[in-house]
Amino acid sequence: QNIKHCNMELHRQTCPKEIVNCPYYDMGCQEKMAREDIDKHEETKTKIHLRKALEKIKEKKSPISIKLTEFSKHKRLQDEQYSSGFYTSAGGYKIRLNVDANGYREAKGTHISCFINIMPG
């Protein structure tokens, strides 16, 4: 494709053949690929990206907590509480904490269930 020199930088910002860092580079994924291959890379490396995100969470110096208010009421109503979403790092996963006061599946009625939810964005 013939591209004028003055438009080259603009083209490189969107060119599907341009070699770019993985979107999770800041999380520790050092792979480079053509921009058009990013979706495939993310699909095949999801477990690795999640593991790296969890490592980043563990590195955080301040604890992440969710305050359970009116616990008995939530248990009786069988509802869940969610923290507000936060990012594991700049460019990292957006996650939130989820607590099911009455338990989930096999734990229903006998345990508290806690989850980390990955969110869009």
PDB file of N, CA and C in Angstrom:
ATOM      1  N   GLN A   1       0.855  -1.181   0.000  1.00  0.00           N
ATOM      2  CA  GLN A   1       0.000   0.000   0.000  1.00  0.00           C
ATOM      3  C   GLN A   1       0.897   1.238   0.000  1.00  0.00           C
ATOM      4  N   ASN A   2       0.616   2.186  -0.885  1.00  0.00           N
ATOM      5  CA  ASN A   2       1.370   3.438  -0.962  1.00  0.00           C
ATOM      6  C   ASN A   2       0.815   4.442   0.031  1.00  0.00           C
ATOM      7  N   ILE A   3       1.650   4.868   0.963  1.00  0.00           N
ATOM      8  CA  ILE A   3       1.221   5.807   1.989  1.00  0.00           C
ATOM      9  C   ILE A   3       2.179   6.982   1.969  1.00  0.00           C
ATOM     10  N   LYS A   4       1.627   8.175   1.903  1.00  0.00           N
ATOM     11  CA  LYS A   4       2.462   9.376   1.921  1.00  0.00           C
ATOM     12  C   LYS A   4       3.199   9.448   3.251  1.00  0.00           C
ATOM     13  N   HIS A   5       4.415   9.960   3.193  1.00  0.00           N
ATOM     14  CA  HIS A   5       5.249  10.059   4.386  1.00  0.00           C
ATOM     15  C   HIS A   5       4.541  10.814   5.519  1.00  0.00           C
ATOM     16  N   CYS A   6       3.798  11.869   5.189  1.00  0.00           N
ATOM     17  CA  CYS A   6       3.136  12.667   6.227  1.00  0.00           C
ATOM     18  C   CYS A   6       2.022  11.886   6.924  1.00  0.00           C
ATOM     19  N   ASN A   7       1.510  10.817   6.297  1.00  0.00           N
ATOM     20  CA  ASN A   7       0.442  10.011   6.893  1.00  0.00           C
ATOM     21  C   ASN A   7       0.965   8.720   7.535  1.00  0.00           C
ATOM     22  N   MET A   8       2.281   8.493   7.453  1.00  0.00           N
ATOM     23  CA  MET A   8       2.846   7.236   7.931  1.00  0.00           C
ATOM     24  C   MET A   8       2.598   7.012   9.425  1.00  0.00           C
ATOM     25  N   GLU A   9       2.811   8.036  10.244  1.00  0.00           N
ATOM     26  CA  GLU A   9       2.626   7.863  11.689  1.00  0.00           C
ATOM     27  C   GLU A   9       1.171   7.528  12.008  1.00  0.00           C
ATOM     28  N   LEU A  10       0.243   8.204  11.360  1.00  0.00           N
ATOM     29  CA  LEU A  10      -1.176   7.911  11.561  1.00  0.00           C
ATOM     30  C   LEU A  10      -1.477   6.468  11.144  1.00  0.00           C
ATOM     31  N   HIS A  11      -0.915   6.047  10.027  1.00  0.00           N
ATOM     32  CA  HIS A  11      -1.119   4.679   9.547  1.00  0.00           C
ATOM     33  C   HIS A  11      -0.567   3.665  10.546  1.00  0.00           C
ATOM     34  N   ARG A  12       0.607   3.916  11.078  1.00  0.00           N
ATOM     35  CA  ARG A  12       1.239   2.976  12.011  1.00  0.00           C
ATOM     36  C   ARG A  12       0.417   2.802  13.287  1.00  0.00           C
ATOM     37  N   GLN A  13      -0.386   3.802  13.658  1.00  0.00           N
ATOM     38  CA  GLN A  13      -1.209   3.703  14.874  1.00  0.00           C
ATOM     39  C   GLN A  13      -2.389   2.747  14.707  1.00  0.00           C
ATOM     40  N   THR A  14      -2.737   2.427  13.451  1.00  0.00           N
ATOM     41  CA  THR A  14      -3.889   1.556  13.208  1.00  0.00           C
ATOM     42  C   THR A  14      -3.582   0.360  12.314  1.00  0.00           C
ATOM     43  N   CYS A  15      -2.399   0.303  11.750  1.00  0.00           N
ATOM     44  CA  CYS A  15      -2.039  -0.753  10.800  1.00  0.00           C
ATOM     45  C   CYS A  15      -2.124  -2.128  11.462  1.00  0.00           C
ATOM     46  N   PRO A  16      -2.879  -3.064  10.875  1.00  0.00           N
ATOM     47  CA  PRO A  16      -3.009  -4.396  11.457  1.00  0.00           C
ATOM     48  C   PRO A  16      -1.703  -5.192  11.434  1.00  0.00           C
ATOM     49  N   LYS A  17      -0.749  -4.813  10.581  1.00  0.00           N
ATOM     50  CA  LYS A  17       0.526  -5.532  10.468  1.00  0.00           C
ATOM     51  C   LYS A  17       1.600  -4.973  11.393  1.00  0.00           C
ATOM     52  N   GLU A  18       1.348  -3.834  12.018  1.00  0.00           N
ATOM     53  CA  GLU A  18       2.326  -3.206  12.913  1.00  0.00           C
ATOM     54  C   GLU A  18       2.610  -4.133  14.098  1.00  0.00           C
ATOM     55  N   ILE A  19       3.890  -4.309  14.431  1.00  0.00           N
ATOM     56  CA  ILE A  19       4.281  -5.132  15.578  1.00  0.00           C
ATOM     57  C   ILE A  19       4.113  -4.286  16.845  1.00  0.00           C
ATOM     58  N   VAL A  20       3.351  -4.819  17.799  1.00  0.00           N
ATOM     59  CA  VAL A  20       3.036  -4.090  19.033  1.00  0.00           C
ATOM     60  C   VAL A  20       3.268  -4.998  20.242  1.00  0.00           C
ATOM     61  N   ASN A  21       3.383  -4.382  21.404  1.00  0.00           N
ATOM     62  CA  ASN A  21       3.468  -5.131  22.659  1.00  0.00           C
ATOM     63  C   ASN A  21       2.109  -5.702  22.998  1.00  0.00           C
ATOM     64  N   CYS A  22       2.123  -6.778  23.742  1.00  0.00           N
ATOM     65  CA  CYS A  22       0.890  -7.330  24.301  1.00  0.00           C
ATOM     66  C   CYS A  22       0.220  -6.244  25.141  1.00  0.00           C
ATOM     67  N   PRO A  23      -1.111  -6.136  25.113  1.00  0.00           N
ATOM     68  CA  PRO A  23      -1.805  -5.149  25.952  1.00  0.00           C
ATOM     69  C   PRO A  23      -1.519  -5.335  27.447  1.00  0.00           C
ATOM     70  N   TYR A  24      -1.028  -6.517  27.835  1.00  0.00           N
ATOM     71  CA  TYR A  24      -0.710  -6.792  29.235  1.00  0.00           C
ATOM     72  C   TYR A  24       0.793  -6.705  29.499  1.00  0.00           C
ATOM     73  N   TYR A  25       1.458  -5.914  28.694  1.00  0.00           N
ATOM     74  CA  TYR A  25       2.899  -5.702  28.838  1.00  0.00           C
ATOM     75  C   TYR A  25       3.236  -5.203  30.240  1.00  0.00           C
ATOM     76  N   ASP A  26       2.462  -4.243  30.747  1.00  0.00           N
ATOM     77  CA  ASP A  26       2.712  -3.698  32.085  1.00  0.00           C
ATOM     78  C   ASP A  26       2.470  -4.724  33.186  1.00  0.00           C
ATOM     79  N   MET A  27       1.736  -5.779  32.857  1.00  0.00           N
ATOM     80  CA  MET A  27       1.487  -6.847  33.825  1.00  0.00           C
ATOM     81  C   MET A  27       2.623  -7.872  33.803  1.00  0.00           C
ATOM     82  N   GLY A  28       3.459  -7.790  32.769  1.00  0.00           N
ATOM     83  CA  GLY A  28       4.601  -8.700  32.684  1.00  0.00           C
ATOM     84  C   GLY A  28       4.624  -9.588  31.450  1.00  0.00           C
ATOM     85  N   CYS A  29       3.639  -9.489  30.580  1.00  0.00           N
ATOM     86  CA  CYS A  29       3.650 -10.273  29.343  1.00  0.00           C
ATOM     87  C   CYS A  29       4.519  -9.529  28.331  1.00  0.00           C
ATOM     88  N   GLN A  30       5.648 -10.104  27.982  1.00  0.00           N
ATOM     89  CA  GLN A  30       6.630  -9.430  27.125  1.00  0.00           C
ATOM     90  C   GLN A  30       6.476  -9.768  25.646  1.00  0.00           C
ATOM     91  N   GLU A  31       5.426 -10.480  25.278  1.00  0.00           N
ATOM     92  CA  GLU A  31       5.267 -10.903  23.883  1.00  0.00           C
ATOM     93  C   GLU A  31       4.917  -9.734  22.978  1.00  0.00           C
ATOM     94  N   LYS A  32       5.433  -9.819  21.756  1.00  0.00           N
ATOM     95  CA  LYS A  32       5.127  -8.839  20.707  1.00  0.00           C
ATOM     96  C   LYS A  32       4.436  -9.587  19.574  1.00  0.00           C
ATOM     97  N   MET A  33       3.542  -8.901  18.897  1.00  0.00           N
ATOM     98  CA  MET A  33       2.794  -9.542  17.827  1.00  0.00           C
ATOM     99  C   MET A  33       2.251  -8.472  16.883  1.00  0.00           C
ATOM    100  N   ALA A  34       1.778  -8.909  15.714  1.00  0.00           N
ATOM    101  CA  ALA A  34       1.084  -7.998  14.810  1.00  0.00           C
ATOM    102  C   ALA A  34      -0.219  -7.575  15.489  1.00  0.00           C
ATOM    103  N   ARG A  35      -0.597  -6.323  15.306  1.00  0.00           N
ATOM    104  CA  ARG A  35      -1.826  -5.799  15.925  1.00  0.00           C
ATOM    105  C   ARG A  35      -3.023  -6.702  15.615  1.00  0.00           C
ATOM    106  N   GLU A  36      -3.066  -7.262  14.398  1.00  0.00           N
ATOM    107  CA  GLU A  36      -4.198  -8.113  14.013  1.00  0.00           C
ATOM    108  C   GLU A  36      -4.242  -9.433  14.778  1.00  0.00           C
ATOM    109  N   ASP A  37      -3.159  -9.788  15.479  1.00  0.00           N
ATOM    110  CA  ASP A  37      -3.104 -11.041  16.226  1.00  0.00           C
ATOM    111  C   ASP A  37      -3.373 -10.873  17.717  1.00  0.00           C
ATOM    112  N   ILE A  38      -3.672  -9.667  18.151  1.00  0.00           N
ATOM    113  CA  ILE A  38      -3.877  -9.416  19.585  1.00  0.00           C
ATOM    114  C   ILE A  38      -5.034 -10.251  20.147  1.00  0.00           C
ATOM    115  N   ASP A  39      -6.164 -10.287  19.466  1.00  0.00           N
ATOM    116  CA  ASP A  39      -7.316 -11.055  19.978  1.00  0.00           C
ATOM    117  C   ASP A  39      -6.963 -12.526  20.162  1.00  0.00           C
ATOM    118  N   LYS A  40      -6.276 -13.103  19.185  1.00  0.00           N
ATOM    119  CA  LYS A  40      -5.887 -14.513  19.279  1.00  0.00           C
ATOM    120  C   LYS A  40      -4.934 -14.710  20.458  1.00  0.00           C
ATOM    121  N   HIS A  41      -3.978 -13.802  20.617  1.00  0.00           N
ATOM    122  CA  HIS A  41      -3.027 -13.893  21.728  1.00  0.00           C
ATOM    123  C   HIS A  41      -3.768 -13.828  23.067  1.00  0.00           C
ATOM    124  N   GLU A  42      -4.689 -12.881  23.201  1.00  0.00           N
ATOM    125  CA  GLU A  42      -5.435 -12.750  24.459  1.00  0.00           C
ATOM    126  C   GLU A  42      -6.249 -14.008  24.751  1.00  0.00           C
ATOM    127  N   GLU A  43      -6.829 -14.613  23.727  1.00  0.00           N
ATOM    128  CA  GLU A  43      -7.612 -15.842  23.926  1.00  0.00           C
ATOM    129  C   GLU A  43      -6.729 -17.000  24.377  1.00  0.00           C
ATOM    130  N   THR A  44      -5.560 -17.136  23.765  1.00  0.00           N
ATOM    131  CA  THR A  44      -4.700 -18.277  24.084  1.00  0.00           C
ATOM    132  C   THR A  44      -3.879 -18.072  25.354  1.00  0.00           C
ATOM    133  N   LYS A  45      -3.722 -16.842  25.798  1.00  0.00           N
ATOM    134  CA  LYS A  45      -2.877 -16.554  26.964  1.00  0.00           C
ATOM    135  C   LYS A  45      -3.671 -16.061  28.169  1.00  0.00           C
ATOM    136  N   THR A  46      -4.982 -16.279  28.181  1.00  0.00           N
ATOM    137  CA  THR A  46      -5.825 -15.784  29.268  1.00  0.00           C
ATOM    138  C   THR A  46      -5.346 -16.274  30.628  1.00  0.00           C
ATOM    139  N   LYS A  47      -5.023 -17.558  30.741  1.00  0.00           N
ATOM    140  CA  LYS A  47      -4.575 -18.094  32.027  1.00  0.00           C
ATOM    141  C   LYS A  47      -3.299 -17.410  32.494  1.00  0.00           C
ATOM    142  N   ILE A  48      -2.368 -17.209  31.578  1.00  0.00           N
ATOM    143  CA  ILE A  48      -1.103 -16.537  31.930  1.00  0.00           C
ATOM    144  C   ILE A  48      -1.379 -15.109  32.366  1.00  0.00           C
ATOM    145  N   HIS A  49      -2.237 -14.404  31.627  1.00  0.00           N
ATOM    146  CA  HIS A  49      -2.567 -13.018  31.986  1.00  0.00           C
ATOM    147  C   HIS A  49      -3.238 -12.968  33.359  1.00  0.00           C
ATOM    148  N   LEU A  50      -4.156 -13.890  33.637  1.00  0.00           N
ATOM    149  CA  LEU A  50      -4.820 -13.922  34.943  1.00  0.00           C
ATOM    150  C   LEU A  50      -3.816 -14.185  36.062  1.00  0.00           C
ATOM    151  N   ARG A  51      -2.900 -15.117  35.822  1.00  0.00           N
ATOM    152  CA  ARG A  51      -1.882 -15.425  36.829  1.00  0.00           C
ATOM    153  C   ARG A  51      -1.029 -14.185  37.124  1.00  0.00           C
ATOM    154  N   LYS A  52      -0.654 -13.467  36.066  1.00  0.00           N
ATOM    155  CA  LYS A  52       0.145 -12.250  36.240  1.00  0.00           C
ATOM    156  C   LYS A  52      -0.657 -11.179  36.981  1.00  0.00           C
ATOM    157  N   ALA A  53      -1.966 -11.092  36.694  1.00  0.00           N
ATOM    158  CA  ALA A  53      -2.806 -10.114  37.393  1.00  0.00           C
ATOM    159  C   ALA A  53      -2.882 -10.454  38.876  1.00  0.00           C
ATOM    160  N   LEU A  54      -3.039 -11.736  39.200  1.00  0.00           N
ATOM    161  CA  LEU A  54      -3.089 -12.144  40.605  1.00  0.00           C
ATOM    162  C   LEU A  54      -1.767 -11.858  41.311  1.00  0.00           C
ATOM    163  N   GLU A  55      -0.650 -12.046  40.614  1.00  0.00           N
ATOM    164  CA  GLU A  55       0.653 -11.713  41.197  1.00  0.00           C
ATOM    165  C   GLU A  55       0.717 -10.220  41.528  1.00  0.00           C
ATOM    166  N   LYS A  56       0.186  -9.393  40.612  1.00  0.00           N
ATOM    167  CA  LYS A  56       0.183  -7.940  40.850  1.00  0.00           C
ATOM    168  C   LYS A  56      -0.692  -7.592  42.048  1.00  0.00           C
ATOM    169  N   ILE A  57      -1.815  -8.272  42.183  1.00  0.00           N
ATOM    170  CA  ILE A  57      -2.702  -8.025  43.323  1.00  0.00           C
ATOM    171  C   ILE A  57      -1.967  -8.350  44.615  1.00  0.00           C
ATOM    172  N   LYS A  58      -1.264  -9.479  44.634  1.00  0.00           N
ATOM    173  CA  LYS A  58      -0.529  -9.886  45.830  1.00  0.00           C
ATOM    174  C   LYS A  58       0.579  -8.889  46.179  1.00  0.00           C
ATOM    175  N   GLU A  59       1.123  -8.211  45.167  1.00  0.00           N
ATOM    176  CA  GLU A  59       2.201  -7.238  45.387  1.00  0.00           C
ATOM    177  C   GLU A  59       1.690  -5.940  45.997  1.00  0.00           C
ATOM    178  N   LYS A  60       0.388  -5.694  45.886  1.00  0.00           N
ATOM    179  CA  LYS A  60      -0.159  -4.442  46.422  1.00  0.00           C
ATOM    180  C   LYS A  60       0.163  -4.331  47.905  1.00  0.00           C
ATOM    181  N   LYS A  61       0.557  -3.135  48.312  1.00  0.00           N
ATOM    182  CA  LYS A  61       0.940  -2.937  49.707  1.00  0.00           C
ATOM    183  C   LYS A  61      -0.278  -2.747  50.616  1.00  0.00           C
ATOM    184  N   SER A  62      -1.338  -2.168  50.094  1.00  0.00           N
ATOM    185  CA  SER A  62      -2.515  -1.948  50.938  1.00  0.00           C
ATOM    186  C   SER A  62      -3.522  -3.069  50.689  1.00  0.00           C
ATOM    187  N   PRO A  63      -4.115  -3.596  51.739  1.00  0.00           N
ATOM    188  CA  PRO A  63      -5.077  -4.684  51.557  1.00  0.00           C
ATOM    189  C   PRO A  63      -6.351  -4.191  50.873  1.00  0.00           C
ATOM    190  N   ILE A  64      -6.981  -5.094  50.175  1.00  0.00           N
ATOM    191  CA  ILE A  64      -8.252  -4.803  49.528  1.00  0.00           C
ATOM    192  C   ILE A  64      -9.328  -5.424  50.411  1.00  0.00           C
ATOM    193  N   SER A  65     -10.332  -4.648  50.748  1.00  0.00           N
ATOM    194  CA  SER A  65     -11.358  -5.205  51.624  1.00  0.00           C
ATOM    195  C   SER A  65     -12.738  -4.740  51.194  1.00  0.00           C
ATOM    196  N   ILE A  66     -13.716  -5.506  51.581  1.00  0.00           N
ATOM    197  CA  ILE A  66     -15.114  -5.138  51.380  1.00  0.00           C
ATOM    198  C   ILE A  66     -15.783  -5.283  52.738  1.00  0.00           C
ATOM    199  N   LYS A  67     -16.491  -4.263  53.157  1.00  0.00           N
ATOM    200  CA  LYS A  67     -17.149  -4.292  54.463  1.00  0.00           C
ATOM    201  C   LYS A  67     -18.538  -4.905  54.304  1.00  0.00           C
ATOM    202  N   LEU A  68     -18.786  -5.955  55.063  1.00  0.00           N
ATOM    203  CA  LEU A  68     -20.093  -6.600  55.031  1.00  0.00           C
ATOM    204  C   LEU A  68     -20.990  -5.918  56.063  1.00  0.00           C
ATOM    205  N   THR A  69     -21.943  -5.161  55.581  1.00  0.00           N
ATOM    206  CA  THR A  69     -22.886  -4.506  56.480  1.00  0.00           C
ATOM    207  C   THR A  69     -24.176  -5.315  56.512  1.00  0.00           C
ATOM    208  N   GLU A  70     -24.814  -5.335  57.645  1.00  0.00           N
ATOM    209  CA  GLU A  70     -26.074  -6.061  57.811  1.00  0.00           C
ATOM    210  C   GLU A  70     -25.960  -7.501  57.283  1.00  0.00           C
ATOM    211  N   PHE A  71     -24.939  -8.190  57.763  1.00  0.00           N
ATOM    212  CA  PHE A  71     -24.647  -9.541  57.289  1.00  0.00           C
ATOM    213  C   PHE A  71     -25.851 -10.481  57.402  1.00  0.00           C
ATOM    214  N   SER A  72     -26.515 -10.495  58.545  1.00  0.00           N
ATOM    215  CA  SER A  72     -27.658 -11.402  58.752  1.00  0.00           C
ATOM    216  C   SER A  72     -28.754 -11.156  57.719  1.00  0.00           C
ATOM    217  N   LYS A  73     -28.977  -9.887  57.404  1.00  0.00           N
ATOM    218  CA  LYS A  73     -30.005  -9.542  56.407  1.00  0.00           C
ATOM    219  C   LYS A  73     -29.616 -10.093  55.039  1.00  0.00           C
ATOM    220  N   HIS A  74     -28.348  -9.911  54.650  1.00  0.00           N
ATOM    221  CA  HIS A  74     -27.896 -10.410  53.346  1.00  0.00           C
ATOM    222  C   HIS A  74     -27.970 -11.941  53.288  1.00  0.00           C
ATOM    223  N   LYS A  75     -27.648 -12.578  54.380  1.00  0.00           N
ATOM    224  CA  LYS A  75     -27.719 -14.044  54.437  1.00  0.00           C
ATOM    225  C   LYS A  75     -29.170 -14.507  54.287  1.00  0.00           C
ATOM    226  N   ARG A  76     -30.074 -13.843  54.997  1.00  0.00           N
ATOM    227  CA  ARG A  76     -31.491 -14.200  54.945  1.00  0.00           C
ATOM    228  C   ARG A  76     -32.057 -13.971  53.543  1.00  0.00           C
ATOM    229  N   LEU A  77     -31.683 -12.851  52.930  1.00  0.00           N
ATOM    230  CA  LEU A  77     -32.199 -12.516  51.599  1.00  0.00           C
ATOM    231  C   LEU A  77     -31.465 -13.255  50.487  1.00  0.00           C
ATOM    232  N   GLN A  78     -30.395 -13.960  50.859  1.00  0.00           N
ATOM    233  CA  GLN A  78     -29.580 -14.707  49.903  1.00  0.00           C
ATOM    234  C   GLN A  78     -29.066 -13.819  48.778  1.00  0.00           C
ATOM    235  N   ASP A  79     -28.607 -12.625  49.145  1.00  0.00           N
ATOM    236  CA  ASP A  79     -28.056 -11.749  48.116  1.00  0.00           C
ATOM    237  C   ASP A  79     -26.545 -11.618  48.278  1.00  0.00           C
ATOM    238  N   GLU A  80     -25.954 -10.906  47.354  1.00  0.00           N
ATOM    239  CA  GLU A  80     -24.503 -10.770  47.297  1.00  0.00           C
ATOM    240  C   GLU A  80     -24.095  -9.317  47.480  1.00  0.00           C
ATOM    241  N   GLN A  81     -22.859  -9.108  47.888  1.00  0.00           N
ATOM    242  CA  GLN A  81     -22.304  -7.759  47.972  1.00  0.00           C
ATOM    243  C   GLN A  81     -21.093  -7.683  47.048  1.00  0.00           C
ATOM    244  N   TYR A  82     -20.916  -6.508  46.425  1.00  0.00           N
ATOM    245  CA  TYR A  82     -19.820  -6.295  45.495  1.00  0.00           C
ATOM    246  C   TYR A  82     -19.031  -5.066  45.904  1.00  0.00           C
ATOM    247  N   SER A  83     -17.706  -5.128  45.754  1.00  0.00           N
ATOM    248  CA  SER A  83     -16.901  -3.925  45.934  1.00  0.00           C
ATOM    249  C   SER A  83     -17.020  -3.108  44.656  1.00  0.00           C
ATOM    250  N   SER A  84     -16.582  -1.871  44.691  1.00  0.00           N
ATOM    251  CA  SER A  84     -16.508  -1.114  43.447  1.00  0.00           C
ATOM    252  C   SER A  84     -15.337  -1.677  42.647  1.00  0.00           C
ATOM    253  N   GLY A  85     -15.363  -1.519  41.345  1.00  0.00           N
ATOM    254  CA  GLY A  85     -14.305  -2.041  40.487  1.00  0.00           C
ATOM    255  C   GLY A  85     -13.000  -1.277  40.671  1.00  0.00           C
ATOM    256  N   PHE A  86     -11.887  -1.966  40.498  1.00  0.00           N
ATOM    257  CA  PHE A  86     -10.576  -1.327  40.548  1.00  0.00           C
ATOM    258  C   PHE A  86      -9.637  -2.083  39.614  1.00  0.00           C
ATOM    259  N   TYR A  87      -8.558  -1.401  39.212  1.00  0.00           N
ATOM    260  CA  TYR A  87      -7.600  -1.989  38.290  1.00  0.00           C
ATOM    261  C   TYR A  87      -6.429  -2.590  39.045  1.00  0.00           C
ATOM    262  N   THR A  88      -5.948  -3.724  38.567  1.00  0.00           N
ATOM    263  CA  THR A  88      -4.807  -4.381  39.199  1.00  0.00           C
ATOM    264  C   THR A  88      -3.537  -3.562  39.023  1.00  0.00           C
ATOM    265  N   SER A  89      -3.458  -2.781  37.941  1.00  0.00           N
ATOM    266  CA  SER A  89      -2.334  -1.886  37.673  1.00  0.00           C
ATOM    267  C   SER A  89      -2.716  -1.054  36.459  1.00  0.00           C
ATOM    268  N   ALA A  90      -1.876  -0.098  36.108  1.00  0.00           N
ATOM    269  CA  ALA A  90      -2.132   0.699  34.904  1.00  0.00           C
ATOM    270  C   ALA A  90      -2.152  -0.254  33.712  1.00  0.00           C
ATOM    271  N   GLY A  91      -3.240  -0.256  32.974  1.00  0.00           N
ATOM    272  CA  GLY A  91      -3.368  -1.148  31.823  1.00  0.00           C
ATOM    273  C   GLY A  91      -3.713  -2.579  32.192  1.00  0.00           C
ATOM    274  N   GLY A  92      -3.968  -2.833  33.487  1.00  0.00           N
ATOM    275  CA  GLY A  92      -4.244  -4.192  33.944  1.00  0.00           C
ATOM    276  C   GLY A  92      -5.725  -4.528  33.904  1.00  0.00           C
ATOM    277  N   TYR A  93      -6.045  -5.631  34.521  1.00  0.00           N
ATOM    278  CA  TYR A  93      -7.434  -6.082  34.582  1.00  0.00           C
ATOM    279  C   TYR A  93      -8.241  -5.206  35.538  1.00  0.00           C
ATOM    280  N   LYS A  94      -9.515  -4.988  35.187  1.00  0.00           N
ATOM    281  CA  LYS A  94     -10.441  -4.321  36.102  1.00  0.00           C
ATOM    282  C   LYS A  94     -11.184  -5.440  36.820  1.00  0.00           C
ATOM    283  N   ILE A  95     -11.144  -5.420  38.149  1.00  0.00           N
ATOM    284  CA  ILE A  95     -11.769  -6.480  38.925  1.00  0.00           C
ATOM    285  C   ILE A  95     -12.601  -5.907  40.057  1.00  0.00           C
ATOM    286  N   ARG A  96     -13.404  -6.757  40.657  1.00  0.00           N
ATOM    287  CA  ARG A  96     -14.143  -6.393  41.859  1.00  0.00           C
ATOM    288  C   ARG A  96     -14.249  -7.636  42.738  1.00  0.00           C
ATOM    289  N   LEU A  97     -14.464  -7.400  44.006  1.00  0.00           N
ATOM    290  CA  LEU A  97     -14.650  -8.501  44.946  1.00  0.00           C
ATOM    291  C   LEU A  97     -16.147  -8.754  45.097  1.00  0.00           C
ATOM    292  N   ASN A  98     -16.513 -10.007  45.229  1.00  0.00           N
ATOM    293  CA  ASN A  98     -17.913 -10.411  45.339  1.00  0.00           C
ATOM    294  C   ASN A  98     -18.031 -11.377  46.520  1.00  0.00           C
ATOM    295  N   VAL A  99     -18.949 -11.087  47.431  1.00  0.00           N
ATOM    296  CA  VAL A  99     -19.162 -11.953  48.590  1.00  0.00           C
ATOM    297  C   VAL A  99     -20.629 -12.387  48.605  1.00  0.00           C
ATOM    298  N   ASP A 100     -20.823 -13.696  48.623  1.00  0.00           N
ATOM    299  CA  ASP A 100     -22.163 -14.266  48.732  1.00  0.00           C
ATOM    300  C   ASP A 100     -22.327 -14.725  50.186  1.00  0.00           C
ATOM    301  N   ALA A 101     -23.095 -13.966  50.957  1.00  0.00           N
ATOM    302  CA  ALA A 101     -23.214 -14.198  52.402  1.00  0.00           C
ATOM    303  C   ALA A 101     -23.819 -15.558  52.742  1.00  0.00           C
ATOM    304  N   ASN A 102     -24.576 -16.141  51.836  1.00  0.00           N
ATOM    305  CA  ASN A 102     -25.232 -17.422  52.113  1.00  0.00           C
ATOM    306  C   ASN A 102     -24.549 -18.587  51.402  1.00  0.00           C
ATOM    307  N   GLY A 103     -23.406 -18.344  50.792  1.00  0.00           N
ATOM    308  CA  GLY A 103     -22.699 -19.415  50.092  1.00  0.00           C
ATOM    309  C   GLY A 103     -23.193 -19.600  48.671  1.00  0.00           C
ATOM    310  N   TYR A 104     -22.365 -20.249  47.879  1.00  0.00           N
ATOM    311  CA  TYR A 104     -22.660 -20.479  46.465  1.00  0.00           C
ATOM    312  C   TYR A 104     -22.588 -21.972  46.172  1.00  0.00           C
ATOM    313  N   ARG A 105     -23.548 -22.492  45.446  1.00  0.00           N
ATOM    314  CA  ARG A 105     -23.651 -23.902  45.061  1.00  0.00           C
ATOM    315  C   ARG A 105     -23.521 -24.835  46.259  1.00  0.00           C
ATOM    316  N   GLU A 106     -22.465 -25.657  46.302  1.00  0.00           N
ATOM    317  CA  GLU A 106     -22.315 -26.638  47.381  1.00  0.00           C
ATOM    318  C   GLU A 106     -22.184 -25.976  48.744  1.00  0.00           C
ATOM    319  N   ALA A 107     -21.746 -24.715  48.773  1.00  0.00           N
ATOM    320  CA  ALA A 107     -21.535 -24.014  50.045  1.00  0.00           C
ATOM    321  C   ALA A 107     -22.805 -23.322  50.539  1.00  0.00           C
ATOM    322  N   LYS A 108     -23.874 -23.357  49.763  1.00  0.00           N
ATOM    323  CA  LYS A 108     -25.099 -22.639  50.107  1.00  0.00           C
ATOM    324  C   LYS A 108     -25.620 -23.055  51.480  1.00  0.00           C
ATOM    325  N   GLY A 109     -25.800 -22.059  52.325  1.00  0.00           N
ATOM    326  CA  GLY A 109     -26.360 -22.280  53.644  1.00  0.00           C
ATOM    327  C   GLY A 109     -25.355 -22.691  54.711  1.00  0.00           C
ATOM    328  N   THR A 110     -24.122 -22.999  54.293  1.00  0.00           N
ATOM    329  CA  THR A 110     -23.128 -23.461  55.277  1.00  0.00           C
ATOM    330  C   THR A 110     -21.851 -22.631  55.294  1.00  0.00           C
ATOM    331  N   HIS A 111     -21.589 -21.880  54.221  1.00  0.00           N
ATOM    332  CA  HIS A 111     -20.337 -21.135  54.112  1.00  0.00           C
ATOM    333  C   HIS A 111     -20.588 -19.748  53.510  1.00  0.00           C
ATOM    334  N   ILE A 112     -19.588 -18.906  53.623  1.00  0.00           N
ATOM    335  CA  ILE A 112     -19.556 -17.629  52.885  1.00  0.00           C
ATOM    336  C   ILE A 112     -18.704 -17.887  51.652  1.00  0.00           C
ATOM    337  N   SER A 113     -19.142 -17.440  50.483  1.00  0.00           N
ATOM    338  CA  SER A 113     -18.366 -17.613  49.260  1.00  0.00           C
ATOM    339  C   SER A 113     -17.820 -16.262  48.812  1.00  0.00           C
ATOM    340  N   CYS A 114     -16.548 -16.228  48.450  1.00  0.00           N
ATOM    341  CA  CYS A 114     -15.882 -15.006  48.005  1.00  0.00           C
ATOM    342  C   CYS A 114     -15.292 -15.239  46.616  1.00  0.00           C
ATOM    343  N   PHE A 115     -15.436 -14.245  45.748  1.00  0.00           N
ATOM    344  CA  PHE A 115     -14.965 -14.365  44.371  1.00  0.00           C
ATOM    345  C   PHE A 115     -14.261 -13.082  43.948  1.00  0.00           C
ATOM    346  N   ILE A 116     -13.411 -13.204  42.958  1.00  0.00           N
ATOM    347  CA  ILE A 116     -12.851 -12.048  42.241  1.00  0.00           C
ATOM    348  C   ILE A 116     -13.475 -12.085  40.856  1.00  0.00           C
ATOM    349  N   ASN A 117     -14.182 -11.012  40.478  1.00  0.00           N
ATOM    350  CA  ASN A 117     -14.833 -10.928  39.170  1.00  0.00           C
ATOM    351  C   ASN A 117     -14.012 -10.035  38.257  1.00  0.00           C
ATOM    352  N   ILE A 118     -13.743 -10.507  37.039  1.00  0.00           N
ATOM    353  CA  ILE A 118     -13.093  -9.670  36.034  1.00  0.00           C
ATOM    354  C   ILE A 118     -14.204  -8.902  35.322  1.00  0.00           C
ATOM    355  N   MET A 119     -14.001  -7.600  35.175  1.00  0.00           N
ATOM    356  CA  MET A 119     -15.036  -6.720  34.630  1.00  0.00           C
ATOM    357  C   MET A 119     -14.615  -6.164  33.276  1.00  0.00           C
ATOM    358  N   PRO A 120     -15.566  -5.798  32.422  1.00  0.00           N
ATOM    359  CA  PRO A 120     -15.186  -5.117  31.185  1.00  0.00           C
ATOM    360  C   PRO A 120     -14.624  -3.735  31.492  1.00  0.00           C
ATOM    361  N   GLY A 121     -13.743  -3.273  30.662  1.00  0.00           N
ATOM    362  CA  GLY A 121     -13.215  -1.915  30.844  1.00  0.00           C
ATOM    363  C   GLY A 121     -11.807  -1.958  31.203  1.00  0.00           C
TER     364      GLY A 121
END
